Amino acid sequence: MGMREAAGAHGPVHGPRVEMAADGSADFALNGRIPAGVLRPKTEEESAAAVAWAVDARMGLVPWGGGTEVQHGNPVASPRWAVLSSELLNQVLDYSPDDMVVTCQAGVTLAALSERLRSHRQFLPIDAPHPDRATMGGIVAGNSQGLWRPLFGAPRDRLLGLRAVMADGQTVKGGGKVVKNVAGYDLCKLFAGSRGTLGFLTEVTFKTSPLPECCRHVVFRAQDAAAAVRAGLAVHAARLQPLYATVAYAGHVHLCVGLQGSAAAVAWQADRVAEACSEEGLAPSDEGPSDQHLRILVADSPAPVKLRFTLRPWDLVGLLRGLEALGQRGAGLTLAAHVPTGIVAVAMQPGAPDAESAVRLARAARLQVGGECHLVWTRLPESWRPSVGDVWGPTRGDFPLMRSLKRALDPDGLFSPGRFVGRL
């Protein structure tokens, strides 16, 4: 029996049929492995039918949105697996401009949703390197925020409600379509950042915001990364509430600051930011990255190795000094260090040292800060995996709770088996 027929057999007698690619597709390959098939449900009912088919077929499922971050993770720990795509779940279901609440299917892209909101002078304060591909379900699953995290927080902070198909084929609902909703468990926070390991998101609801009157991107040239970080920390300490304050390095060091608000407020902020940067020896520059370039500086790098560090903002200087050792060993580095949040994205260009040396130096850079610093490998050659191990790094003290939740909600490891931290 072909995969298309098998999938259709698990809905009601007259129920929907799930469209699948019988031979998979190289476009959905993970770690060099092509999936056995690609399921593209159009409705929540078809999504449940797809899950039922996978359970009967003893096949793992990898939820897939726009594919912008799905490569992040460990290899799929299942001999046979299929992709469960939200591509055809692409409708805005409800939008109340007066209430500033919008509900859409999980496959709607950030760009499409933004266009809908813009007609009412509103926007969703979520940033992504590729808004034309990044889906709202994928953004929630990754809890992924680009440059705007300092001012607006993570996507989970804007998420009001969701619907998801679980491993038993049942649909669960969390939150609602109002801001003050305290009924039941907070499934929204549970699914945000779960990386497709707990269920398949079909619908999400967000709180929107008014479009700002003015946006501005200002750039300052620094002699070194330490000076740029100090200036960024000064801007943060002054409570100027920048949209972002990011140190960019791609041959030269720049501090990029984003401002948003009324025209008068942005002008005042820009003056105060310039003063703080001047005190650290930074000068205004017209040569640094634009906001669009900054957004994709690391994301679009062709480098074969990418890392992400998360640490306390005041430890950034120590980390960046530690990373200099990588550059001295032949690794061409590009990085974006988000000062207020302590998140550093790094790309190692071709010519990097061998796997053992690079892993050792990256871990040594992490230890330079003398405090808590978490390292995640977001891209690496397959030959490096034995040296790296779990790309998410060592588990933390809360891992037993994460494992218990996974076992309770997905006892057979159907969704994204082995891909998350601790091989969940």
Protein backbone atom coordinates (compact mmCIF):
# COMPACT_ATOMS: atom_id res chain seq x y z
CA MET A 1 0.00 0.00 0.00
CA GLY A 2 1.41 3.38 -0.95
CA MET A 3 1.94 6.15 1.54
CA ARG A 4 -0.86 8.28 0.12
CA GLU A 5 -3.40 5.47 0.54
CA ALA A 6 -2.14 4.58 4.02
CA ALA A 7 -2.50 8.15 5.21
CA GLY A 8 -6.02 8.45 3.90
CA ALA A 9 -7.10 5.24 5.58
CA HIS A 10 -6.75 6.64 9.10
CA GLY A 11 -9.33 9.41 8.92
CA PRO A 12 -13.09 8.87 9.07
CA VAL A 13 -14.57 6.83 6.22
CA HIS A 14 -15.41 10.03 4.36
CA GLY A 15 -12.65 12.05 5.98
CA PRO A 16 -9.82 14.03 4.43
CA ARG A 17 -6.86 12.55 2.67
CA VAL A 18 -3.37 13.76 3.50
CA GLU A 19 -1.24 14.85 0.56
CA MET A 20 2.22 13.28 0.68
CA ALA A 21 5.32 13.04 -1.44
CA ALA A 22 5.84 9.31 -1.80
CA ASP A 23 9.57 9.50 -2.25
CA GLY A 24 10.36 12.41 0.08
CA SER A 25 12.45 15.30 -1.11
CA ALA A 26 16.04 16.42 -0.85
CA ASP A 27 14.69 19.84 0.14
CA PHE A 28 13.68 18.30 3.47
CA ALA A 29 16.91 16.44 4.18
CA LEU A 30 18.33 16.53 7.70
CA ASN A 31 21.93 15.57 8.39
CA GLY A 32 22.20 14.08 4.94
CA ARG A 33 19.11 11.89 5.38
CA ILE A 34 16.05 12.30 3.15
CA PRO A 35 12.64 11.67 4.80
CA ALA A 36 10.46 8.77 3.74
CA GLY A 37 7.69 11.21 2.88
CA VAL A 38 6.37 14.74 3.28
CA LEU A 39 2.87 15.20 4.68
CA ARG A 40 1.10 18.47 3.84
CA PRO A 41 -2.22 18.63 5.72
CA LYS A 42 -4.64 21.44 4.84
CA THR A 43 -6.71 21.28 8.02
CA GLU A 44 -6.43 20.31 11.66
CA GLU A 45 -8.38 17.13 10.90
CA GLU A 46 -5.91 16.17 8.20
CA SER A 47 -3.07 16.89 10.64
CA ALA A 48 -4.58 14.41 13.10
CA ALA A 49 -4.93 11.85 10.29
CA ALA A 50 -1.26 12.30 9.42
CA VAL A 51 -0.23 11.73 13.03
CA ALA A 52 -2.38 8.57 13.18
CA TRP A 53 -0.74 7.27 10.03
CA ALA A 54 2.76 7.87 11.44
CA VAL A 55 1.89 6.08 14.68
CA ASP A 56 0.64 3.01 12.81
CA ALA A 57 3.63 3.09 10.47
CA ARG A 58 6.04 3.33 13.46
CA MET A 59 7.61 6.32 11.83
CA GLY A 60 8.95 9.48 13.46
CA LEU A 61 7.55 12.88 12.50
CA VAL A 62 9.50 16.12 12.16
CA PRO A 63 7.23 19.21 12.17
CA TRP A 64 8.40 21.64 9.46
CA GLY A 65 7.45 25.26 8.91
CA GLY A 66 9.54 27.42 6.61
CA GLY A 67 12.73 25.48 7.30
CA THR A 68 14.64 28.53 8.55
CA GLU A 69 15.78 26.86 11.80
CA VAL A 70 14.85 23.22 11.40
CA GLN A 71 18.47 22.30 10.69
CA HIS A 72 19.33 23.26 14.28
CA GLY A 73 19.42 20.08 16.34
CA ASN A 74 20.72 16.55 16.69
CA PRO A 75 20.12 13.92 14.00
CA VAL A 76 16.69 12.27 13.93
CA ALA A 77 16.86 9.22 16.21
CA SER A 78 14.52 7.08 14.14
CA PRO A 79 15.36 4.69 11.31
CA ARG A 80 12.34 5.95 9.34
CA TRP A 81 10.79 9.38 9.60
CA ALA A 82 8.59 11.76 7.65
CA VAL A 83 8.15 15.51 7.53
CA LEU A 84 4.86 17.00 8.76
CA SER A 85 4.69 20.33 6.93
CA SER A 86 2.49 23.32 7.83
CA GLU A 87 2.89 24.74 4.31
CA LEU A 88 -0.84 24.45 3.48
CA LEU A 89 -2.04 25.66 6.89
CA ASN A 90 -1.65 29.22 5.68
CA GLN A 91 -4.80 31.18 6.51
CA VAL A 92 -5.37 34.14 8.83
CA LEU A 93 -8.44 32.92 10.74
CA ASP A 94 -9.45 35.94 12.81
CA TYR A 95 -8.21 39.50 13.26
CA SER A 96 -9.70 42.11 15.57
CA PRO A 97 -7.88 45.42 15.05
CA ASP A 98 -9.81 47.04 17.91
CA ASP A 99 -8.76 44.30 20.34
CA MET A 100 -5.29 44.08 18.74
CA VAL A 101 -5.49 40.27 18.59
CA VAL A 102 -4.84 38.06 15.57
CA THR A 103 -5.27 34.31 15.07
CA CYS A 104 -3.72 32.42 12.17
CA GLN A 105 -2.82 28.92 11.11
CA ALA A 106 0.69 27.80 11.93
CA GLY A 107 1.94 27.91 8.32
CA VAL A 108 1.27 31.62 7.79
CA THR A 109 4.55 33.44 7.22
CA LEU A 110 5.61 36.44 9.26
CA ALA A 111 5.71 38.55 6.08
CA ALA A 112 2.15 37.63 5.10
CA LEU A 113 0.84 38.32 8.59
CA SER A 114 2.71 41.62 8.77
CA GLU A 115 1.14 42.74 5.49
CA ARG A 116 -2.32 41.98 6.84
CA LEU A 117 -1.67 43.92 10.06
CA ARG A 118 -0.07 46.88 8.30
CA SER A 119 -3.37 47.76 6.64
CA HIS A 120 -4.61 48.67 10.13
CA ARG A 121 -1.40 50.43 11.20
CA GLN A 122 -0.41 47.53 13.42
CA PHE A 123 2.42 45.03 13.54
CA LEU A 124 3.56 41.96 15.42
CA PRO A 125 6.78 42.80 17.29
CA ILE A 126 8.56 39.62 16.26
CA ASP A 127 11.69 39.78 14.14
CA ALA A 128 13.13 37.04 11.91
CA PRO A 129 15.99 36.98 9.38
CA HIS A 130 13.71 35.60 6.64
CA PRO A 131 10.14 36.79 7.27
CA ASP A 132 9.03 35.58 3.85
CA ARG A 133 9.84 31.99 4.89
CA ALA A 134 9.60 31.95 8.67
CA THR A 135 6.19 30.61 9.73
CA MET A 136 4.33 31.61 12.86
CA GLY A 137 4.23 28.02 14.09
CA GLY A 138 7.96 27.64 13.53
CA ILE A 139 8.65 30.93 15.30
CA VAL A 140 6.69 29.73 18.33
CA ALA A 141 8.31 26.29 18.28
CA GLY A 142 11.75 27.89 18.29
CA ASN A 143 10.73 30.84 20.49
CA SER A 144 12.87 32.67 17.96
CA GLN A 145 13.36 36.42 18.10
CA GLY A 146 15.88 38.29 15.96
CA LEU A 147 17.11 41.78 16.77
CA TRP A 148 14.08 43.00 18.71
CA ARG A 149 14.31 40.89 21.86
CA PRO A 150 15.65 43.70 24.13
CA LEU A 151 12.51 45.82 23.67
CA PHE A 152 9.79 43.26 22.95
CA GLY A 153 10.95 40.04 24.56
CA ALA A 154 10.54 36.60 22.98
CA PRO A 155 7.58 35.36 20.88
CA ARG A 156 6.18 33.56 23.93
CA ASP A 157 5.62 36.99 25.49
CA ARG A 158 3.22 37.90 22.65
CA LEU A 159 1.54 34.50 22.38
CA LEU A 160 -2.02 34.42 23.73
CA GLY A 161 -3.23 31.02 22.57
CA LEU A 162 -2.53 27.98 20.41
CA ARG A 163 -3.92 24.69 19.15
CA ALA A 164 -1.82 21.57 18.56
CA VAL A 165 -2.24 17.95 17.52
CA MET A 166 -0.64 15.60 20.03
CA ALA A 167 0.93 12.17 19.60
CA ASP A 168 -2.36 10.41 20.40
CA GLY A 169 -4.10 12.31 17.59
CA GLN A 170 -6.07 14.51 19.96
CA THR A 171 -6.15 18.29 19.56
CA VAL A 172 -5.33 20.43 22.59
CA LYS A 173 -6.02 24.12 23.10
CA GLY A 174 -4.11 26.51 25.32
CA GLY A 175 -4.75 30.15 26.20
CA GLY A 176 -7.37 32.09 24.27
CA LYS A 177 -8.09 35.23 22.28
CA VAL A 178 -7.98 37.68 25.16
CA VAL A 179 -4.95 39.01 27.02
CA LYS A 180 -6.24 38.07 30.49
CA ASN A 181 -6.83 34.35 30.17
CA VAL A 182 -5.89 32.20 33.14
CA ALA A 183 -7.96 29.06 32.50
CA GLY A 184 -6.09 25.75 32.54
CA TYR A 185 -2.38 24.99 32.22
CA ASP A 186 -0.15 27.44 30.37
CA LEU A 187 0.39 25.33 27.26
CA CYS A 188 1.53 28.40 25.35
CA LYS A 189 4.67 28.71 27.46
CA LEU A 190 5.19 24.95 27.29
CA PHE A 191 5.12 24.77 23.49
CA ALA A 192 7.15 27.98 22.98
CA GLY A 193 10.71 26.79 22.45
CA SER A 194 9.80 23.08 22.41
CA ARG A 195 11.36 22.68 18.93
CA GLY A 196 8.63 20.43 17.57
CA THR A 197 9.17 17.73 20.21
CA LEU A 198 5.74 17.83 21.94
CA GLY A 199 3.18 18.12 19.15
CA PHE A 200 2.25 19.73 15.83
CA LEU A 201 1.09 23.33 16.07
CA THR A 202 -1.90 24.12 13.88
CA GLU A 203 -3.06 27.53 15.13
CA VAL A 204 -1.57 30.45 17.08
CA THR A 205 -2.98 33.70 18.52
CA PHE A 206 -0.92 36.83 19.19
CA LYS A 207 -1.25 40.27 20.70
CA THR A 208 -0.34 42.97 18.16
CA SER A 209 1.01 46.51 18.64
CA PRO A 210 0.53 49.88 16.91
CA LEU A 211 3.03 50.69 14.19
CA PRO A 212 5.63 53.16 15.50
CA GLU A 213 5.79 56.63 14.05
CA CYS A 214 9.54 56.49 13.53
CA CYS A 215 12.31 53.86 13.30
CA ARG A 216 16.03 54.58 13.15
CA HIS A 217 19.19 52.51 12.80
CA VAL A 218 22.42 54.15 13.98
CA VAL A 219 25.93 52.72 13.61
CA PHE A 220 29.19 53.46 15.43
CA ARG A 221 32.70 52.28 14.57
CA ALA A 222 34.79 50.83 17.41
CA GLN A 223 38.47 50.09 17.73
CA ASP A 224 37.77 46.70 19.25
CA ALA A 225 34.93 44.51 20.44
CA ALA A 226 35.53 45.34 24.10
CA ALA A 227 34.91 49.05 23.51
CA ALA A 228 31.78 48.29 21.49
CA VAL A 229 30.42 46.05 24.26
CA ARG A 230 31.12 48.66 26.92
CA ALA A 231 29.27 51.27 24.87
CA GLY A 232 26.35 48.90 24.38
CA LEU A 233 26.21 48.21 28.11
CA ALA A 234 26.25 51.96 28.77
CA VAL A 235 23.28 52.42 26.43
CA HIS A 236 21.48 49.59 28.18
CA ALA A 237 22.28 50.92 31.68
CA ALA A 238 20.98 54.37 30.71
CA ARG A 239 17.53 52.78 30.19
CA LEU A 240 17.19 54.26 26.73
CA GLN A 241 15.12 51.23 25.70
CA PRO A 242 16.73 50.59 22.32
CA LEU A 243 15.11 48.16 19.93
CA TYR A 244 18.51 46.47 19.81
CA ALA A 245 22.16 47.18 20.65
CA THR A 246 24.27 44.70 18.69
CA VAL A 247 28.02 44.43 18.22
CA ALA A 248 28.74 43.28 14.68
CA TYR A 249 32.08 41.91 13.53
CA ALA A 250 32.87 41.05 9.93
CA GLY A 251 36.39 42.36 9.50
CA HIS A 252 35.57 45.60 11.39
CA VAL A 253 33.79 46.19 14.67
CA HIS A 254 30.57 48.21 14.79
CA LEU A 255 27.91 48.85 17.39
CA CYS A 256 24.46 49.02 15.81
CA VAL A 257 21.57 50.51 17.76
CA GLY A 258 17.91 50.44 16.75
CA LEU A 259 15.43 53.05 17.96
CA GLN A 260 11.66 53.14 17.67
CA GLY A 261 8.85 55.42 18.82
CA SER A 262 7.65 58.95 18.18
CA ALA A 263 9.90 61.16 16.06
CA ALA A 264 10.72 63.36 19.05
CA ALA A 265 11.52 60.39 21.31
CA VAL A 266 13.74 58.76 18.69
CA ALA A 267 15.66 62.01 18.13
CA TRP A 268 16.24 62.35 21.88
CA GLN A 269 17.31 58.71 22.17
CA ALA A 270 19.74 59.07 19.26
CA ASP A 271 21.47 62.00 20.97
CA ARG A 272 21.81 60.11 24.25
CA VAL A 273 23.12 57.00 22.45
CA ALA A 274 25.71 59.11 20.61
CA GLU A 275 26.87 60.60 23.93
CA ALA A 276 27.25 57.17 25.55
CA CYS A 277 29.18 55.83 22.56
CA SER A 278 31.44 58.88 22.38
CA GLU A 279 32.48 58.37 26.00
CA GLU A 280 33.76 54.90 25.03
CA GLY A 281 35.66 56.23 22.01
CA LEU A 282 33.17 55.13 19.34
CA ALA A 283 32.48 57.36 16.34
CA PRO A 284 29.40 57.51 14.08
CA SER A 285 29.86 55.50 10.88
CA ASP A 286 28.14 55.24 7.50
CA GLU A 287 30.02 52.05 6.62
CA GLY A 288 28.56 49.56 9.09
CA PRO A 289 25.83 47.02 8.35
CA SER A 290 22.29 48.19 7.66
CA ASP A 291 19.53 46.81 9.83
CA GLN A 292 18.66 44.28 7.10
CA HIS A 293 22.28 43.19 6.72
CA LEU A 294 22.69 42.95 10.49
CA ARG A 295 19.63 40.72 10.67
CA ILE A 296 21.17 38.15 8.30
CA LEU A 297 24.85 38.73 9.12
CA VAL A 298 25.27 35.28 10.66
CA ALA A 299 22.04 33.62 9.49
CA ASP A 300 23.00 33.93 5.80
CA SER A 301 26.69 33.24 6.21
CA PRO A 302 27.86 30.30 4.07
CA ALA A 303 30.19 29.27 6.88
CA PRO A 304 30.11 25.52 7.59
CA VAL A 305 30.22 26.05 11.35
CA LYS A 306 27.91 28.23 13.44
CA LEU A 307 27.62 28.61 17.19
CA ARG A 308 25.44 30.48 19.65
CA PHE A 309 26.58 31.54 23.11
CA THR A 310 24.22 32.75 25.81
CA LEU A 311 25.70 34.46 28.84
CA ARG A 312 25.35 37.40 31.19
CA PRO A 313 25.75 40.69 29.28
CA TRP A 314 28.56 41.92 31.51
CA ASP A 315 30.58 38.80 30.62
CA LEU A 316 30.54 39.54 26.89
CA VAL A 317 33.97 41.21 26.87
CA GLY A 318 35.58 38.06 28.30
CA LEU A 319 33.85 35.83 25.76
CA LEU A 320 34.82 37.97 22.77
CA ARG A 321 38.43 37.98 23.93
CA GLY A 322 38.29 34.20 24.19
CA LEU A 323 36.93 33.97 20.65
CA GLU A 324 40.00 35.83 19.39
CA ALA A 325 41.92 32.56 19.82
CA LEU A 326 39.71 30.99 17.17
CA GLY A 327 40.58 33.77 14.75
CA GLN A 328 44.27 33.41 15.52
CA ARG A 329 44.05 29.72 14.63
CA GLY A 330 42.75 30.48 11.13
CA ALA A 331 39.02 30.58 11.68
CA GLY A 332 37.57 33.58 9.86
CA LEU A 333 34.92 34.84 12.26
CA THR A 334 31.70 36.74 11.73
CA LEU A 335 29.62 37.48 14.79
CA ALA A 336 26.65 39.42 16.12
CA ALA A 337 26.65 39.98 19.89
CA HIS A 338 23.32 41.20 21.26
CA VAL A 339 24.48 43.21 24.25
CA PRO A 340 21.29 43.59 26.36
CA THR A 341 20.46 39.86 26.15
CA GLY A 342 23.94 38.32 26.13
CA ILE A 343 23.23 36.23 23.03
CA VAL A 344 26.16 35.88 20.60
CA ALA A 345 25.80 34.27 17.15
CA VAL A 346 29.08 33.21 15.54
CA ALA A 347 29.96 31.91 12.07
CA MET A 348 33.31 30.24 11.39
CA GLN A 349 34.31 30.65 7.77
CA PRO A 350 36.13 28.05 5.61
CA GLY A 351 39.71 27.66 6.75
CA ALA A 352 38.66 26.96 10.33
CA PRO A 353 40.83 24.59 12.39
CA ASP A 354 40.15 20.88 12.58
CA ALA A 355 37.17 19.63 14.54
CA GLU A 356 38.99 18.71 17.74
CA SER A 357 40.83 22.03 17.90
CA ALA A 358 37.78 24.12 17.07
CA VAL A 359 35.60 22.38 19.64
CA ARG A 360 38.30 22.73 22.28
CA LEU A 361 38.83 26.43 21.53
CA ALA A 362 35.10 27.18 21.45
CA ARG A 363 34.64 25.54 24.82
CA ALA A 364 37.70 27.37 26.15
CA ALA A 365 36.17 30.67 24.99
CA ARG A 366 33.04 29.79 26.95
CA LEU A 367 35.11 29.22 30.07
CA GLN A 368 36.85 32.60 29.66
CA VAL A 369 33.88 34.44 31.12
CA GLY A 370 34.22 32.85 34.53
CA GLY A 371 30.45 32.56 34.89
CA GLU A 372 27.49 30.86 33.32
CA CYS A 373 27.73 30.55 29.55
CA HIS A 374 25.79 28.14 27.37
CA LEU A 375 27.09 27.01 23.97
CA VAL A 376 24.90 25.60 21.17
CA TRP A 377 26.18 24.43 17.78
CA THR A 378 23.63 25.56 15.19
CA ARG A 379 25.51 24.27 12.15
CA LEU A 380 28.45 21.92 11.79
CA PRO A 381 29.88 19.37 9.34
CA GLU A 382 28.65 15.84 9.92
CA SER A 383 32.25 14.73 10.49
CA TRP A 384 32.41 17.02 13.54
CA ARG A 385 29.47 15.45 15.39
CA PRO A 386 31.53 12.83 17.28
CA SER A 387 33.70 15.63 18.67
CA VAL A 388 30.77 17.89 19.55
CA GLY A 389 28.30 15.34 20.92
CA ASP A 390 24.92 16.84 21.79
CA VAL A 391 24.74 20.12 19.83
CA TRP A 392 22.63 21.65 22.63
CA GLY A 393 25.39 21.19 25.16
CA PRO A 394 25.17 19.64 28.64
CA THR A 395 21.75 19.28 30.21
CA ARG A 396 20.77 21.56 33.09
CA GLY A 397 19.15 20.87 36.43
CA ASP A 398 15.66 21.17 34.94
CA PHE A 399 16.26 18.40 32.40
CA PRO A 400 14.49 15.68 34.45
CA LEU A 401 11.34 17.81 34.30
CA MET A 402 11.72 18.25 30.53
CA ARG A 403 12.18 14.50 30.10
CA SER A 404 9.10 13.77 32.23
CA LEU A 405 6.99 16.15 30.14
CA LYS A 406 8.21 14.55 26.92
CA ARG A 407 7.37 11.08 28.22
CA ALA A 408 3.94 12.20 29.38
CA LEU A 409 2.95 14.01 26.17
CA ASP A 410 4.83 11.90 23.61
CA PRO A 411 5.61 8.59 25.31
CA ASP A 412 6.74 6.81 22.14
CA GLY A 413 8.95 9.64 20.91
CA LEU A 414 6.92 10.37 17.78
CA PHE A 415 7.77 14.03 17.33
CA SER A 416 11.35 15.03 16.37
CA PRO A 417 12.86 12.01 18.14
CA GLY A 418 16.31 12.67 19.57
CA ARG A 419 16.66 16.14 18.08
CA PHE A 420 16.42 18.32 21.20
CA VAL A 421 18.62 18.74 24.27
CA GLY A 422 19.52 15.49 26.00
CA ARG A 423 18.41 13.63 22.84
CA LEU A 424 14.74 14.15 23.73
